[in-house]
Structure formats: structure tokens, C-alpha cells
Amino acid sequence: MENSLRANPLDIRAQYERQLTELQEACGETMLEIRAGKNAQALLDAADDK
């Protein structure tokens, strides 16, 4: 606990910003995977209708 009180606020901010960036990238990748899955399913459904 003492170490957290001694932490530099700029270090904490940098850590927070890195974590935020990583989470945003992960979210973006997940959205792309969902879209790719939906597109693949649409293509499979279209192929089944023919």
C-alpha cells in the first residue's frame, strides 16, 4: 500500500492510458470478428437459398 502512495501520478496516468488503448484495440478486433462472422453466415445462408 505504501508503494501505491509513492507512485508518480504521471506513471499512473501512463499506465491507465496504455491499458485503455489495449482495451480499445481488443474491442475493435472483437467487432471485426463479429462482422466477419456475420458476413460469413450471410454468405452461407445465400448459398443455401440457391
PDB file of N, CA and C in Angstrom:
ATOM      1  N   MET A   1       0.824  -1.191   0.000  1.00  0.00           N
ATOM      2  CA  MET A   1       0.000   0.000   0.000  1.00  0.00           C
ATOM      3  C   MET A   1       0.865   1.251   0.000  1.00  0.00           C
ATOM      4  N   GLU A   2       1.990   1.187   0.714  1.00  0.00           N
ATOM      5  CA  GLU A   2       2.874   2.341   0.728  1.00  0.00           C
ATOM      6  C   GLU A   2       3.371   2.674  -0.666  1.00  0.00           C
ATOM      7  N   ASN A   3       3.668   1.639  -1.443  1.00  0.00           N
ATOM      8  CA  ASN A   3       4.169   1.868  -2.790  1.00  0.00           C
ATOM      9  C   ASN A   3       3.151   2.602  -3.648  1.00  0.00           C
ATOM     10  N   SER A   4       1.887   2.293  -3.481  1.00  0.00           N
ATOM     11  CA  SER A   4       0.871   2.976  -4.281  1.00  0.00           C
ATOM     12  C   SER A   4       0.787   4.446  -3.900  1.00  0.00           C
ATOM     13  N   LEU A   5       1.052   4.761  -2.659  1.00  0.00           N
ATOM     14  CA  LEU A   5       1.033   6.165  -2.242  1.00  0.00           C
ATOM     15  C   LEU A   5       2.242   6.916  -2.776  1.00  0.00           C
ATOM     16  N   ARG A   6       3.321   6.205  -3.015  1.00  0.00           N
ATOM     17  CA  ARG A   6       4.535   6.835  -3.528  1.00  0.00           C
ATOM     18  C   ARG A   6       4.536   6.924  -5.054  1.00  0.00           C
ATOM     19  N   ALA A   7       3.621   6.290  -5.708  1.00  0.00           N
ATOM     20  CA  ALA A   7       3.601   6.251  -7.168  1.00  0.00           C
ATOM     21  C   ALA A   7       3.454   7.653  -7.736  1.00  0.00           C
ATOM     22  N   ASN A   8       4.133   7.871  -8.816  1.00  0.00           N
ATOM     23  CA  ASN A   8       4.070   9.151  -9.520  1.00  0.00           C
ATOM     24  C   ASN A   8       2.745   9.213 -10.284  1.00  0.00           C
ATOM     25  N   PRO A   9       1.980  10.263 -10.115  1.00  0.00           N
ATOM     26  CA  PRO A   9       0.694  10.365 -10.833  1.00  0.00           C
ATOM     27  C   PRO A   9       0.852  10.250 -12.344  1.00  0.00           C
ATOM     28  N   LEU A  10       1.983  10.721 -12.883  1.00  0.00           N
ATOM     29  CA  LEU A  10       2.192  10.606 -14.335  1.00  0.00           C
ATOM     30  C   LEU A  10       2.381   9.149 -14.737  1.00  0.00           C
ATOM     31  N   ASP A  11       3.034   8.361 -13.873  1.00  0.00           N
ATOM     32  CA  ASP A  11       3.191   6.935 -14.152  1.00  0.00           C
ATOM     33  C   ASP A  11       1.833   6.238 -14.148  1.00  0.00           C
ATOM     34  N   ILE A  12       1.012   6.602 -13.197  1.00  0.00           N
ATOM     35  CA  ILE A  12      -0.324   6.010 -13.106  1.00  0.00           C
ATOM     36  C   ILE A  12      -1.143   6.393 -14.337  1.00  0.00           C
ATOM     37  N   ARG A  13      -1.043   7.635 -14.766  1.00  0.00           N
ATOM     38  CA  ARG A  13      -1.774   8.080 -15.956  1.00  0.00           C
ATOM     39  C   ARG A  13      -1.294   7.333 -17.196  1.00  0.00           C
ATOM     40  N   ALA A  14       0.014   7.180 -17.335  1.00  0.00           N
ATOM     41  CA  ALA A  14       0.559   6.466 -18.493  1.00  0.00           C
ATOM     42  C   ALA A  14       0.090   5.017 -18.487  1.00  0.00           C
ATOM     43  N   GLN A  15       0.079   4.400 -17.323  1.00  0.00           N
ATOM     44  CA  GLN A  15      -0.392   3.017 -17.207  1.00  0.00           C
ATOM     45  C   GLN A  15      -1.872   2.935 -17.591  1.00  0.00           C
ATOM     46  N   TYR A  16      -2.658   3.878 -17.117  1.00  0.00           N
ATOM     47  CA  TYR A  16      -4.085   3.910 -17.434  1.00  0.00           C
ATOM     48  C   TYR A  16      -4.290   4.085 -18.937  1.00  0.00           C
ATOM     49  N   GLU A  17      -3.540   4.982 -19.546  1.00  0.00           N
ATOM     50  CA  GLU A  17      -3.693   5.226 -20.980  1.00  0.00           C
ATOM     51  C   GLU A  17      -3.270   4.015 -21.809  1.00  0.00           C
ATOM     52  N   ARG A  18      -2.215   3.314 -21.380  1.00  0.00           N
ATOM     53  CA  ARG A  18      -1.803   2.085 -22.084  1.00  0.00           C
ATOM     54  C   ARG A  18      -2.892   1.028 -21.988  1.00  0.00           C
ATOM     55  N   GLN A  19      -3.444   0.886 -20.790  1.00  0.00           N
ATOM     56  CA  GLN A  19      -4.499  -0.109 -20.599  1.00  0.00           C
ATOM     57  C   GLN A  19      -5.731   0.253 -21.423  1.00  0.00           C
ATOM     58  N   LEU A  20      -6.081   1.515 -21.456  1.00  0.00           N
ATOM     59  CA  LEU A  20      -7.228   1.967 -22.242  1.00  0.00           C
ATOM     60  C   LEU A  20      -7.015   1.676 -23.720  1.00  0.00           C
ATOM     61  N   THR A  21      -5.817   1.963 -24.214  1.00  0.00           N
ATOM     62  CA  THR A  21      -5.505   1.699 -25.617  1.00  0.00           C
ATOM     63  C   THR A  21      -5.605   0.212 -25.928  1.00  0.00           C
ATOM     64  N   GLU A  22      -5.060  -0.630 -25.037  1.00  0.00           N
ATOM     65  CA  GLU A  22      -5.132  -2.072 -25.247  1.00  0.00           C
ATOM     66  C   GLU A  22      -6.578  -2.561 -25.271  1.00  0.00           C
ATOM     67  N   LEU A  23      -7.391  -2.030 -24.379  1.00  0.00           N
ATOM     68  CA  LEU A  23      -8.795  -2.445 -24.340  1.00  0.00           C
ATOM     69  C   LEU A  23      -9.549  -1.980 -25.576  1.00  0.00           C
ATOM     70  N   GLN A  24      -9.248  -0.777 -26.053  1.00  0.00           N
ATOM     71  CA  GLN A  24      -9.892  -0.280 -27.274  1.00  0.00           C
ATOM     72  C   GLN A  24      -9.496  -1.131 -28.470  1.00  0.00           C
ATOM     73  N   GLU A  25      -8.223  -1.516 -28.548  1.00  0.00           N
ATOM     74  CA  GLU A  25      -7.778  -2.377 -29.643  1.00  0.00           C
ATOM     75  C   GLU A  25      -8.456  -3.744 -29.582  1.00  0.00           C
ATOM     76  N   ALA A  26      -8.565  -4.292 -28.386  1.00  0.00           N
ATOM     77  CA  ALA A  26      -9.226  -5.591 -28.219  1.00  0.00           C
ATOM     78  C   ALA A  26     -10.695  -5.497 -28.625  1.00  0.00           C
ATOM     79  N   CYS A  27     -11.327  -4.405 -28.253  1.00  0.00           N
ATOM     80  CA  CYS A  27     -12.735  -4.204 -28.616  1.00  0.00           C
ATOM     81  C   CYS A  27     -12.883  -4.104 -30.134  1.00  0.00           C
ATOM     82  N   GLY A  28     -11.984  -3.370 -30.770  1.00  0.00           N
ATOM     83  CA  GLY A  28     -12.016  -3.233 -32.227  1.00  0.00           C
ATOM     84  C   GLY A  28     -11.829  -4.574 -32.917  1.00  0.00           C
ATOM     85  N   GLU A  29     -10.885  -5.374 -32.426  1.00  0.00           N
ATOM     86  CA  GLU A  29     -10.658  -6.694 -33.006  1.00  0.00           C
ATOM     87  C   GLU A  29     -11.895  -7.572 -32.850  1.00  0.00           C
ATOM     88  N   THR A  30     -12.525  -7.501 -31.695  1.00  0.00           N
ATOM     89  CA  THR A  30     -13.724  -8.298 -31.451  1.00  0.00           C
ATOM     90  C   THR A  30     -14.845  -7.874 -32.386  1.00  0.00           C
ATOM     91  N   MET A  31     -15.003  -6.588 -32.598  1.00  0.00           N
ATOM     92  CA  MET A  31     -16.046  -6.110 -33.514  1.00  0.00           C
ATOM     93  C   MET A  31     -15.781  -6.613 -34.931  1.00  0.00           C
ATOM     94  N   LEU A  32     -14.506  -6.617 -35.350  1.00  0.00           N
ATOM     95  CA  LEU A  32     -14.175  -7.131 -36.685  1.00  0.00           C
ATOM     96  C   LEU A  32     -14.496  -8.620 -36.799  1.00  0.00           C
ATOM     97  N   GLU A  33     -14.204  -9.369 -35.749  1.00  0.00           N
ATOM     98  CA  GLU A  33     -14.511 -10.796 -35.760  1.00  0.00           C
ATOM     99  C   GLU A  33     -16.014 -11.034 -35.835  1.00  0.00           C
ATOM    100  N   ILE A  34     -16.780 -10.246 -35.133  1.00  0.00           N
ATOM    101  CA  ILE A  34     -18.244 -10.384 -35.162  1.00  0.00           C
ATOM    102  C   ILE A  34     -18.761 -10.079 -36.560  1.00  0.00           C
ATOM    103  N   ARG A  35     -18.254  -8.993 -37.155  1.00  0.00           N
ATOM    104  CA  ARG A  35     -18.689  -8.637 -38.511  1.00  0.00           C
ATOM    105  C   ARG A  35     -18.312  -9.713 -39.512  1.00  0.00           C
ATOM    106  N   ALA A  36     -17.097 -10.250 -39.380  1.00  0.00           N
ATOM    107  CA  ALA A  36     -16.661 -11.308 -40.298  1.00  0.00           C
ATOM    108  C   ALA A  36     -17.554 -12.537 -40.139  1.00  0.00           C
ATOM    109  N   GLY A  37     -17.908 -12.860 -38.918  1.00  0.00           N
ATOM    110  CA  GLY A  37     -18.798 -13.991 -38.677  1.00  0.00           C
ATOM    111  C   GLY A  37     -20.172 -13.777 -39.276  1.00  0.00           C
ATOM    112  N   LYS A  38     -20.689 -12.566 -39.139  1.00  0.00           N
ATOM    113  CA  LYS A  38     -21.996 -12.258 -39.717  1.00  0.00           C
ATOM    114  C   LYS A  38     -21.949 -12.316 -41.241  1.00  0.00           C
ATOM    115  N   ASN A  39     -20.864 -11.789 -41.823  1.00  0.00           N
ATOM    116  CA  ASN A  39     -20.732 -11.831 -43.279  1.00  0.00           C
ATOM    117  C   ASN A  39     -20.611 -13.267 -43.779  1.00  0.00           C
ATOM    118  N   ALA A  40     -19.846 -14.083 -43.074  1.00  0.00           N
ATOM    119  CA  ALA A  40     -19.698 -15.484 -43.461  1.00  0.00           C
ATOM    120  C   ALA A  40     -21.040 -16.198 -43.365  1.00  0.00           C
ATOM    121  N   GLN A  41     -21.779 -15.920 -42.309  1.00  0.00           N
ATOM    122  CA  GLN A  41     -23.089 -16.562 -42.149  1.00  0.00           C
ATOM    123  C   GLN A  41     -24.041 -16.116 -43.257  1.00  0.00           C
ATOM    124  N   ALA A  42     -23.991 -14.850 -43.621  1.00  0.00           N
ATOM    125  CA  ALA A  42     -24.844 -14.352 -44.706  1.00  0.00           C
ATOM    126  C   ALA A  42     -24.501 -15.046 -46.012  1.00  0.00           C
ATOM    127  N   LEU A  43     -23.218 -15.245 -46.276  1.00  0.00           N
ATOM    128  CA  LEU A  43     -22.822 -15.946 -47.488  1.00  0.00           C
ATOM    129  C   LEU A  43     -23.278 -17.402 -47.489  1.00  0.00           C
ATOM    130  N   LEU A  44     -23.166 -18.048 -46.339  1.00  0.00           N
ATOM    131  CA  LEU A  44     -23.627 -19.439 -46.229  1.00  0.00           C
ATOM    132  C   LEU A  44     -25.143 -19.519 -46.408  1.00  0.00           C
ATOM    133  N   ASP A  45     -25.858 -18.570 -45.820  1.00  0.00           N
ATOM    134  CA  ASP A  45     -27.320 -18.563 -45.976  1.00  0.00           C
ATOM    135  C   ASP A  45     -27.707 -18.325 -47.422  1.00  0.00           C
ATOM    136  N   ALA A  46     -26.992 -17.436 -48.108  1.00  0.00           N
ATOM    137  CA  ALA A  46     -27.275 -17.144 -49.515  1.00  0.00           C
ATOM    138  C   ALA A  46     -26.996 -18.368 -50.387  1.00  0.00           C
ATOM    139  N   ALA A  47     -25.943 -19.100 -50.056  1.00  0.00           N
ATOM    140  CA  ALA A  47     -25.599 -20.303 -50.818  1.00  0.00           C
ATOM    141  C   ALA A  47     -26.643 -21.397 -50.605  1.00  0.00           C
ATOM    142  N   ASP A  48     -27.208 -21.459 -49.410  1.00  0.00           N
ATOM    143  CA  ASP A  48     -28.245 -22.452 -49.124  1.00  0.00           C
ATOM    144  C   ASP A  48     -29.540 -22.136 -49.854  1.00  0.00           C
ATOM    145  N   ASP A  49     -29.801 -20.861 -50.099  1.00  0.00           N
ATOM    146  CA  ASP A  49     -31.054 -20.459 -50.761  1.00  0.00           C
ATOM    147  C   ASP A  49     -31.042 -20.771 -52.256  1.00  0.00           C
ATOM    148  N   LYS A  50     -29.890 -20.971 -52.820  1.00  0.00           N
ATOM    149  CA  LYS A  50     -29.809 -21.204 -54.286  1.00  0.00           C
ATOM    150  C   LYS A  50     -30.109 -22.629 -54.645  1.00  0.00           C
TER     151      LYS A  50
END
